[in-house]
C-alpha atoms as a PDB file:
ATOM      1  CA  MET A   1       0.000   0.000   0.000  1.00  0.00           C
ATOM      2  CA  THR A   2       1.726   3.217  -1.140  1.00  0.00           C
ATOM      3  CA  ILE A   3       0.591   6.221   0.871  1.00  0.00           C
ATOM      4  CA  GLU A   4       0.037   9.530  -0.887  1.00  0.00           C
ATOM      5  CA  LYS A   5      -2.724  11.357   0.986  1.00  0.00           C
ATOM      6  CA  PHE A   6      -3.862   9.375   3.934  1.00  0.00           C
ATOM      7  CA  ASP A   7      -4.999   9.408   7.517  1.00  0.00           C
ATOM      8  CA  PHE A   8      -2.047   8.020   9.469  1.00  0.00           C
ATOM      9  CA  GLN A   9      -4.234   7.549  12.515  1.00  0.00           C
ATOM     10  CA  PHE A  10      -6.608   5.309  10.549  1.00  0.00           C
ATOM     11  CA  ASP A  11      -4.340   3.631   7.992  1.00  0.00           C
ATOM     12  CA  VAL A  12      -1.582   2.712  10.418  1.00  0.00           C
ATOM     13  CA  LEU A  13      -2.469   3.178  14.071  1.00  0.00           C
ATOM     14  CA  GLU A  14      -6.099   2.049  14.034  1.00  0.00           C
ATOM     15  CA  GLN A  15      -5.540  -0.649  11.418  1.00  0.00           C
ATOM     16  CA  SER A  16      -2.736  -2.100  13.592  1.00  0.00           C
ATOM     17  CA  HIS A  17      -5.359  -3.047  16.196  1.00  0.00           C
ATOM     18  CA  THR A  18      -6.793  -5.482  13.641  1.00  0.00           C
ATOM     19  CA  VAL A  19      -3.677  -6.661  11.795  1.00  0.00           C
ATOM     20  CA  PRO A  20       0.042  -5.883  12.243  1.00  0.00           C
ATOM     21  CA  VAL A  21       1.153  -3.005   9.999  1.00  0.00           C
ATOM     22  CA  LEU A  22       4.689  -2.933   8.578  1.00  0.00           C
ATOM     23  CA  VAL A  23       5.620   0.650   7.717  1.00  0.00           C
ATOM     24  CA  ASP A  24       8.443   1.238   5.242  1.00  0.00           C
ATOM     25  CA  PHE A  25       9.826   4.765   5.589  1.00  0.00           C
ATOM     26  CA  TRP A  26      11.546   5.579   2.302  1.00  0.00           C
ATOM     27  CA  ALA A  27      12.409   8.389  -0.177  1.00  0.00           C
ATOM     28  CA  PRO A  28      12.764   8.416  -3.978  1.00  0.00           C
ATOM     29  CA  TRP A  29      16.442   9.457  -3.851  1.00  0.00           C
ATOM     30  CA  CYS A  30      17.399   6.562  -1.551  1.00  0.00           C
ATOM     31  CA  ALA A  31      19.064   3.695  -3.497  1.00  0.00           C
ATOM     32  CA  PRO A  32      18.847   1.160  -0.607  1.00  0.00           C
ATOM     33  CA  CYS A  33      15.135   2.003  -0.349  1.00  0.00           C
ATOM     34  CA  ARG A  34      14.667   1.019  -3.982  1.00  0.00           C
ATOM     35  CA  MET A  35      16.474  -2.255  -3.292  1.00  0.00           C
ATOM     36  CA  LEU A  36      14.357  -3.035  -0.238  1.00  0.00           C
ATOM     37  CA  ALA A  37      10.966  -2.109  -1.699  1.00  0.00           C
ATOM     38  CA  PRO A  38      10.443  -5.145  -4.005  1.00  0.00           C
ATOM     39  CA  VAL A  39      11.622  -7.502  -1.254  1.00  0.00           C
ATOM     40  CA  LEU A  40       9.043  -6.125   1.183  1.00  0.00           C
ATOM     41  CA  GLU A  41       6.325  -6.222  -1.482  1.00  0.00           C
ATOM     42  CA  THR A  42       7.108  -9.873  -2.261  1.00  0.00           C
ATOM     43  CA  LEU A  43       7.003 -10.760   1.439  1.00  0.00           C
ATOM     44  CA  ALA A  44       3.762  -8.828   1.934  1.00  0.00           C
ATOM     45  CA  GLU A  45       2.151 -10.875  -0.823  1.00  0.00           C
ATOM     46  CA  LYS A  46       3.583 -14.090   0.570  1.00  0.00           C
ATOM     47  CA  HIS A  47       2.311 -13.345   4.082  1.00  0.00           C
ATOM     48  CA  ALA A  48      -1.009 -11.792   3.050  1.00  0.00           C
ATOM     49  CA  GLY A  49      -3.384 -11.918   5.985  1.00  0.00           C
ATOM     50  CA  SER A  50      -0.600 -12.011   8.594  1.00  0.00           C
ATOM     51  CA  TRP A  51       0.400  -8.358   8.174  1.00  0.00           C
ATOM     52  CA  VAL A  52       0.005  -5.449   5.755  1.00  0.00           C
ATOM     53  CA  LEU A  53       2.633  -3.189   4.205  1.00  0.00           C
ATOM     54  CA  VAL A  54       2.348   0.601   4.230  1.00  0.00           C
ATOM     55  CA  LYS A  55       4.980   2.694   2.443  1.00  0.00           C
ATOM     56  CA  ILE A  56       5.525   6.266   3.635  1.00  0.00           C
ATOM     57  CA  ASN A  57       7.579   8.735   1.602  1.00  0.00           C
ATOM     58  CA  THR A  58       9.524  10.743   4.184  1.00  0.00           C
ATOM     59  CA  GLU A  59       9.895  13.644   1.716  1.00  0.00           C
ATOM     60  CA  GLU A  60       6.124  14.023   1.526  1.00  0.00           C
ATOM     61  CA  HIS A  61       5.481  13.279   5.212  1.00  0.00           C
ATOM     62  CA  PRO A  62       8.409  14.748   7.185  1.00  0.00           C
ATOM     63  CA  ASP A  63       6.136  15.319  10.206  1.00  0.00           C
ATOM     64  CA  ILE A  64       5.487  11.585  10.549  1.00  0.00           C
ATOM     65  CA  ALA A  65       9.186  10.783  10.006  1.00  0.00           C
ATOM     66  CA  GLU A  66      10.116  13.246  12.754  1.00  0.00           C
ATOM     67  CA  ARG A  67       7.406  11.924  15.071  1.00  0.00           C
ATOM     68  CA  PHE A  68       8.902   8.428  14.898  1.00  0.00           C
ATOM     69  CA  GLY A  69      12.524   9.480  15.062  1.00  0.00           C
ATOM     70  CA  ILE A  70      13.552   8.505  11.542  1.00  0.00           C
ATOM     71  CA  ARG A  71      17.253   9.363  11.253  1.00  0.00           C
ATOM     72  CA  GLY A  72      18.160   7.139   8.319  1.00  0.00           C
ATOM     73  CA  ILE A  73      16.306   5.268   5.611  1.00  0.00           C
ATOM     74  CA  PRO A  74      15.132   2.763   4.746  1.00  0.00           C
ATOM     75  CA  ASN A  75      13.634   2.276   8.176  1.00  0.00           C
ATOM     76  CA  VAL A  76      10.951  -0.353   8.734  1.00  0.00           C
ATOM     77  CA  LYS A  77       8.745  -0.275  11.823  1.00  0.00           C
ATOM     78  CA  LEU A  78       6.170  -2.836  12.921  1.00  0.00           C
ATOM     79  CA  PHE A  79       3.019  -1.414  14.489  1.00  0.00           C
ATOM     80  CA  ILE A  80       0.765  -3.560  16.667  1.00  0.00           C
ATOM     81  CA  ASP A  81      -2.112  -2.152  18.721  1.00  0.00           C
ATOM     82  CA  GLY A  82      -1.062   1.377  17.850  1.00  0.00           C
ATOM     83  CA  GLU A  83       2.527   1.007  19.050  1.00  0.00           C
ATOM     84  CA  VAL A  84       5.913   0.329  17.435  1.00  0.00           C
ATOM     85  CA  VAL A  85       6.918  -3.122  18.702  1.00  0.00           C
ATOM     86  CA  ASP A  86       9.997  -3.760  16.548  1.00  0.00           C
ATOM     87  CA  GLU A  87      11.989  -2.286  13.684  1.00  0.00           C
ATOM     88  CA  PHE A  88      15.063  -2.574  11.492  1.00  0.00           C
ATOM     89  CA  SER A  89      17.107  -0.234   9.299  1.00  0.00           C
ATOM     90  CA  GLY A  90      18.865  -0.780   5.997  1.00  0.00           C
ATOM     91  CA  ALA A  91      18.254  -2.976   2.961  1.00  0.00           C
ATOM     92  CA  LEU A  92      18.438  -6.397   4.595  1.00  0.00           C
ATOM     93  CA  PRO A  93      18.368  -9.553   2.424  1.00  0.00           C
ATOM     94  CA  GLU A  94      15.072 -11.422   2.144  1.00  0.00           C
ATOM     95  CA  TYR A  95      16.078 -14.399   4.320  1.00  0.00           C
ATOM     96  CA  GLN A  96      17.143 -12.039   7.126  1.00  0.00           C
ATOM     97  CA  ILE A  97      13.848 -10.152   6.977  1.00  0.00           C
ATOM     98  CA  GLU A  98      12.005 -13.495   7.079  1.00  0.00           C
ATOM     99  CA  GLN A  99      13.847 -14.383  10.283  1.00  0.00           C
ATOM    100  CA  TRP A 100      13.024 -10.990  11.740  1.00  0.00           C
ATOM    101  CA  LEU A 101       9.350 -11.374  10.817  1.00  0.00           C
ATOM    102  CA  LYS A 102       9.181 -14.777  12.531  1.00  0.00           C
ATOM    103  CA  LYS A 103      10.209 -13.150  15.786  1.00  0.00           C
ATOM    104  CA  ALA A 104       8.441  -9.823  15.420  1.00  0.00           C
ATOM    105  CA  VAL A 105       5.021 -10.672  13.975  1.00  0.00           C
ATOM    106  CA  PRO A 106       2.745 -12.579  16.349  1.00  0.00           C
ATOM    107  CA  SER A 107       1.014 -15.674  15.018  1.00  0.00           C
ATOM    108  CA  PRO A 108      -2.770 -15.429  14.644  1.00  0.00           C
ATOM    109  CA  PHE A 109      -2.830 -18.678  16.629  1.00  0.00           C
ATOM    110  CA  ASP A 110      -0.920 -17.401  19.673  1.00  0.00           C
ATOM    111  CA  ARG A 111      -4.040 -17.577  21.831  1.00  0.00           C
ATOM    112  CA  GLU A 112      -4.633 -21.222  20.910  1.00  0.00           C
ATOM    113  CA  VAL A 113      -1.007 -22.133  21.647  1.00  0.00           C
ATOM    114  CA  SER A 114      -1.230 -20.321  25.001  1.00  0.00           C
ATOM    115  CA  MET A 115      -4.337 -22.334  25.844  1.00  0.00           C
ATOM    116  CA  ALA A 116      -2.533 -25.560  24.894  1.00  0.00           C
ATOM    117  CA  GLU A 117       0.439 -24.594  27.076  1.00  0.00           C
ATOM    118  CA  GLU A 118      -1.875 -24.008  30.016  1.00  0.00           C
ATOM    119  CA  LEU A 119      -3.562 -27.394  29.458  1.00  0.00           C
ATOM    120  CA  PHE A 120      -0.102 -28.979  29.413  1.00  0.00           C
ATOM    121  CA  ARG A 121       0.726 -27.332  32.748  1.00  0.00           C
ATOM    122  CA  GLN A 122      -2.517 -28.742  34.130  1.00  0.00           C
ATOM    123  CA  GLY A 123      -1.563 -32.231  32.979  1.00  0.00           C
ATOM    124  CA  LYS A 124      -4.309 -32.378  30.329  1.00  0.00           C
ATOM    125  CA  LYS A 125      -2.024 -33.644  27.612  1.00  0.00           C
ATOM    126  CA  THR A 126      -4.637 -35.131  25.272  1.00  0.00           C
ATOM    127  CA  MET A 127      -6.573 -31.876  25.106  1.00  0.00           C
ATOM    128  CA  ALA A 128      -3.366 -29.858  24.716  1.00  0.00           C
ATOM    129  CA  LEU A 129      -2.094 -32.073  21.898  1.00  0.00           C
ATOM    130  CA  SER A 130      -5.401 -31.871  20.027  1.00  0.00           C
ATOM    131  CA  LEU A 131      -5.326 -28.086  20.205  1.00  0.00           C
ATOM    132  CA  VAL A 132      -1.679 -27.722  19.204  1.00  0.00           C
ATOM    133  CA  GLU A 133      -1.974 -30.196  16.329  1.00  0.00           C
ATOM    134  CA  GLY A 134      -4.834 -28.070  14.995  1.00  0.00           C
ATOM    135  CA  VAL A 135      -2.528 -25.052  15.030  1.00  0.00           C
ATOM    136  CA  LEU A 136       0.236 -26.953  13.209  1.00  0.00           C
ATOM    137  CA  HIS A 137      -2.251 -28.094  10.574  1.00  0.00           C
ATOM    138  CA  LYS A 138      -3.123 -24.441   9.876  1.00  0.00           C
ATOM    139  CA  GLU A 139       0.386 -23.041  10.379  1.00  0.00           C
ATOM    140  CA  PRO A 140       3.059 -25.758   9.952  1.00  0.00           C
ATOM    141  CA  ALA A 141       5.907 -23.281  10.516  1.00  0.00           C
ATOM    142  CA  ASN A 142       4.670 -22.246  13.975  1.00  0.00           C
ATOM    143  CA  ALA A 143       7.793 -23.010  16.032  1.00  0.00           C
ATOM    144  CA  ARG A 144       6.130 -22.407  19.386  1.00  0.00           C
ATOM    145  CA  ALA A 145       3.397 -24.933  18.565  1.00  0.00           C
ATOM    146  CA  ALA A 146       5.957 -27.434  17.247  1.00  0.00           C
ATOM    147  CA  ALA A 147       8.017 -27.119  20.442  1.00  0.00           C
ATOM    148  CA  LEU A 148       4.961 -27.807  22.574  1.00  0.00           C
ATOM    149  CA  SER A 149       4.009 -30.775  20.398  1.00  0.00           C
ATOM    150  CA  VAL A 150       7.517 -32.181  20.923  1.00  0.00           C
ATOM    151  CA  ARG A 151       7.113 -31.934  24.697  1.00  0.00           C
ATOM    152  CA  LEU A 152       3.646 -33.479  24.575  1.00  0.00           C
ATOM    153  CA  ARG A 153       4.821 -36.453  22.490  1.00  0.00           C
ATOM    154  CA  LEU A 154       8.170 -37.020  24.175  1.00  0.00           C
ATOM    155  CA  PHE A 155       7.182 -39.849  26.527  1.00  0.00           C
ATOM    156  CA  SER A 156       4.322 -41.404  24.597  1.00  0.00           C
ATOM    157  CA  HIS A 157       5.947 -41.312  21.136  1.00  0.00           C
ATOM    158  CA  PRO A 158       9.643 -40.492  21.682  1.00  0.00           C
ATOM    159  CA  GLN A 159      10.822 -41.158  18.126  1.00  0.00           C
ATOM    160  CA  GLU A 160       8.070 -38.928  16.717  1.00  0.00           C
ATOM    161  CA  ALA A 161       9.096 -36.200  19.162  1.00  0.00           C
ATOM    162  CA  LEU A 162      12.719 -36.547  18.104  1.00  0.00           C
ATOM    163  CA  GLN A 163      11.778 -36.274  14.425  1.00  0.00           C
ATOM    164  CA  LEU A 164       9.512 -33.290  15.049  1.00  0.00           C
ATOM    165  CA  SER A 165      12.275 -31.522  16.972  1.00  0.00           C
ATOM    166  CA  THR A 166      14.303 -31.298  13.744  1.00  0.00           C
ATOM    167  CA  ARG A 167      11.845 -28.607  12.597  1.00  0.00           C
ATOM    168  CA  LEU A 168      13.289 -26.387  15.311  1.00  0.00           C
ATOM    169  CA  GLU A 169      16.931 -26.758  14.301  1.00  0.00           C
ATOM    170  CA  GLY A 170      18.660 -23.479  13.629  1.00  0.00           C
ATOM    171  CA  ASP A 171      16.437 -21.551  16.040  1.00  0.00           C
ATOM    172  CA  PRO A 172      18.556 -20.573  19.096  1.00  0.00           C
ATOM    173  CA  GLU A 173      15.427 -20.286  21.233  1.00  0.00           C
ATOM    174  CA  TYR A 174      14.862 -24.040  21.009  1.00  0.00           C
ATOM    175  CA  ALA A 175      18.454 -25.316  21.045  1.00  0.00           C
ATOM    176  CA  ALA A 176      18.179 -26.435  24.685  1.00  0.00           C
ATOM    177  CA  LEU A 177      14.920 -28.272  24.014  1.00  0.00           C
ATOM    178  CA  ILE A 178      16.389 -30.121  21.025  1.00  0.00           C
ATOM    179  CA  GLU A 179      19.373 -31.213  23.112  1.00  0.00           C
ATOM    180  CA  SER A 180      17.147 -32.344  25.992  1.00  0.00           C
ATOM    181  CA  VAL A 181      14.883 -34.344  23.694  1.00  0.00           C
ATOM    182  CA  ALA A 182      17.880 -36.168  22.228  1.00  0.00           C
ATOM    183  CA  VAL A 183      19.119 -37.040  25.742  1.00  0.00           C
ATOM    184  CA  ILE A 184      15.746 -38.333  26.936  1.00  0.00           C
ATOM    185  CA  VAL A 185      14.976 -40.317  23.776  1.00  0.00           C
ATOM    186  CA  ARG A 186      18.368 -42.034  24.018  1.00  0.00           C
ATOM    187  CA  LEU A 187      17.733 -42.980  27.658  1.00  0.00           C
ATOM    188  CA  LEU A 188      14.268 -44.332  26.892  1.00  0.00           C
ATOM    189  CA  SER A 189      15.696 -46.571  24.175  1.00  0.00           C
ATOM    190  CA  LEU A 190      18.547 -48.013  26.277  1.00  0.00           C
ATOM    191  CA  GLN A 191      18.623 -51.690  27.166  1.00  0.00           C
ATOM    192  CA  GLN A 192      20.223 -52.755  30.455  1.00  0.00           C
ATOM    193  CA  ASP A 193      22.564 -55.234  28.780  1.00  0.00           C
ATOM    194  CA  GLU A 194      23.973 -52.381  26.657  1.00  0.00           C
ATOM    195  CA  LEU A 195      25.342 -50.720  29.777  1.00  0.00           C
ATOM    196  CA  PRO A 196      28.725 -51.428  31.363  1.00  0.00           C
ATOM    197  CA  GLU A 197      28.924 -53.422  34.588  1.00  0.00           C
ATOM    198  CA  ASP A 198      29.097 -51.152  37.615  1.00  0.00           C
ATOM    199  CA  PRO A 199      27.625 -50.995  41.141  1.00  0.00           C
ATOM    200  CA  VAL A 200      25.444 -48.056  39.993  1.00  0.00           C
ATOM    201  CA  ARG A 201      23.997 -49.797  36.939  1.00  0.00           C
ATOM    202  CA  LYS A 202      20.860 -51.081  38.668  1.00  0.00           C
ATOM    203  CA  ARG A 203      20.094 -47.684  40.235  1.00  0.00           C
ATOM    204  CA  TYR A 204      20.703 -46.009  36.897  1.00  0.00           C
ATOM    205  CA  CYS A 205      18.242 -48.342  35.143  1.00  0.00           C
ATOM    206  CA  VAL A 206      15.643 -47.791  37.873  1.00  0.00           C
ATOM    207  CA  ALA A 207      16.032 -44.031  37.380  1.00  0.00           C
ATOM    208  CA  ILE A 208      15.498 -44.469  33.637  1.00  0.00           C
ATOM    209  CA  GLY A 209      12.368 -46.516  34.364  1.00  0.00           C
ATOM    210  CA  SER A 210      11.053 -43.719  36.584  1.00  0.00           C
ATOM    211  CA  LEU A 211      11.795 -41.231  33.816  1.00  0.00           C
ATOM    212  CA  ALA A 212       9.907 -43.341  31.257  1.00  0.00           C
ATOM    213  CA  ALA A 213       6.916 -43.434  33.635  1.00  0.00           C
ATOM    214  CA  GLU A 214       7.183 -39.636  34.056  1.00  0.00           C
ATOM    215  CA  ARG A 215       7.851 -39.997  37.771  1.00  0.00           C
ATOM    216  CA  PHE A 216      10.309 -37.132  37.621  1.00  0.00           C
ATOM    217  CA  ASP A 217      10.806 -36.778  41.375  1.00  0.00           C
ATOM    218  CA  GLU A 218      11.976 -40.398  41.639  1.00  0.00           C
ATOM    219  CA  ALA A 219      14.017 -40.166  38.449  1.00  0.00           C
ATOM    220  CA  LEU A 220      15.955 -37.138  39.709  1.00  0.00           C
ATOM    221  CA  ASP A 221      16.603 -38.820  43.058  1.00  0.00           C
ATOM    222  CA  GLY A 222      18.004 -41.823  41.208  1.00  0.00           C
ATOM    223  CA  PHE A 223      20.175 -39.909  38.749  1.00  0.00           C
ATOM    224  CA  ILE A 224      21.570 -37.665  41.498  1.00  0.00           C
ATOM    225  CA  SER A 225      22.420 -40.776  43.529  1.00  0.00           C
ATOM    226  CA  VAL A 226      24.371 -42.128  40.540  1.00  0.00           C
ATOM    227  CA  ILE A 227      26.173 -38.796  40.107  1.00  0.00           C
ATOM    228  CA  ARG A 228      27.331 -38.914  43.728  1.00  0.00           C
ATOM    229  CA  GLU A 229      28.831 -42.389  43.340  1.00  0.00           C
ATOM    230  CA  ASN A 230      30.011 -42.451  39.725  1.00  0.00           C
ATOM    231  CA  ARG A 231      29.249 -39.232  37.892  1.00  0.00           C
ATOM    232  CA  TYR A 232      30.743 -40.324  34.572  1.00  0.00           C
ATOM    233  CA  TYR A 233      28.881 -43.613  34.307  1.00  0.00           C
ATOM    234  CA  ASP A 234      27.448 -43.998  30.793  1.00  0.00           C
ATOM    235  CA  ASP A 235      29.272 -40.908  29.531  1.00  0.00           C
ATOM    236  CA  ASP A 236      28.012 -38.543  32.253  1.00  0.00           C
ATOM    237  CA  SER A 237      24.419 -39.332  31.267  1.00  0.00           C
ATOM    238  CA  SER A 238      22.955 -38.928  34.769  1.00  0.00           C
ATOM    239  CA  ARG A 239      23.999 -35.273  34.777  1.00  0.00           C
ATOM    240  CA  LYS A 240      22.646 -34.834  31.258  1.00  0.00           C
ATOM    241  CA  ALA A 241      19.386 -36.523  32.290  1.00  0.00           C
ATOM    242  CA  CYS A 242      18.874 -34.173  35.236  1.00  0.00           C
ATOM    243  CA  ILE A 243      19.434 -31.096  33.071  1.00  0.00           C
ATOM    244  CA  ALA A 244      17.061 -32.487  30.420  1.00  0.00           C
ATOM    245  CA  ILE A 245      14.347 -33.058  33.046  1.00  0.00           C
ATOM    246  CA  PHE A 246      14.793 -29.551  34.452  1.00  0.00           C
ATOM    247  CA  ARG A 247      14.426 -28.086  30.967  1.00  0.00           C
ATOM    248  CA  TYR A 248      11.408 -30.249  30.191  1.00  0.00           C
ATOM    249  CA  LEU A 249       9.601 -29.227  33.381  1.00  0.00           C
ATOM    250  CA  GLY A 250      10.811 -25.625  33.395  1.00  0.00           C
ATOM    251  CA  GLU A 251      12.928 -23.813  35.965  1.00  0.00           C
ATOM    252  CA  GLU A 252       9.877 -22.678  37.949  1.00  0.00           C
ATOM    253  CA  HIS A 253       8.368 -26.150  38.327  1.00  0.00           C
ATOM    254  CA  GLN A 254       8.251 -27.315  41.948  1.00  0.00           C
ATOM    255  CA  ILE A 255      10.153 -30.525  41.150  1.00  0.00           C
ATOM    256  CA  THR A 256      12.930 -28.556  39.447  1.00  0.00           C
ATOM    257  CA  VAL A 257      13.135 -26.145  42.377  1.00  0.00           C
ATOM    258  CA  LYS A 258      13.243 -29.053  44.841  1.00  0.00           C
ATOM    259  CA  HIS A 259      16.150 -30.832  43.132  1.00  0.00           C
ATOM    260  CA  ARG A 260      18.236 -28.016  41.602  1.00  0.00           C
ATOM    261  CA  LYS A 261      20.405 -27.233  44.628  1.00  0.00           C
ATOM    262  CA  VAL A 262      20.826 -30.916  45.493  1.00  0.00           C
ATOM    263  CA  PHE A 263      21.910 -31.574  41.925  1.00  0.00           C
ATOM    264  CA  ASP A 264      24.402 -28.702  41.956  1.00  0.00           C
ATOM    265  CA  ARG A 265      25.924 -29.926  45.233  1.00  0.00           C
ATOM    266  CA  ALA A 266      26.233 -33.468  43.859  1.00  0.00           C
ATOM    267  CA  LEU A 267      28.382 -32.207  41.000  1.00  0.00           C
ATOM    268  CA  TYR A 268      30.896 -30.589  43.330  1.00  0.00           C
END
């Protein structure tokens, strides 16, 4: 949408209460602006319905440029609910803008994912999975929904969870989750006769059994006991298991809080 004569209050601020508005501040003399413009237009068409593009010529609307502190162009600002929530400057390449958009533009299914996360916290996994799978059907690239689906499937269908976690590779926000999933799936697939003989082997296997049954309190007790006696048994996997459980439950979970300090003391 190229703005000539317009009502900024209506076309940007009010419209942003309905759909995110990406405002491209540009000028005809600006070469980087001319490079960026077709990229933004292509992305606007690709993401039609998720956000709208408004182009504002700073030569024709210096008052608006001054109001929003435009010091250099091109400058792109994202408006949501009447406020600037994110921005970037310069003629970035398309892939970089795509990455920025993933972080900056909220998904239209955020409310549904939030509801699924709350159901997960309440232990209502079947309901949470149904809701989150519906989101992924409508928006396969929704990383937040995919991450929750991984957590929901981890103990019932570990290999599926491991495969699904590959969708999140390359996203730093989910690096810890991917690592934790790999640790837990490996433990769940271990057979006792694959493990080296050691006085801690039985306790270690019992801890894995507790983990598989999602008895996290017992599992952490068992793994911490192994750490105290032989930390590096099975390639330090008891330590890795504890960290994976903490990440799965979340740092604020009562079980994590209960065991964190005990775990830290066991390491040293």
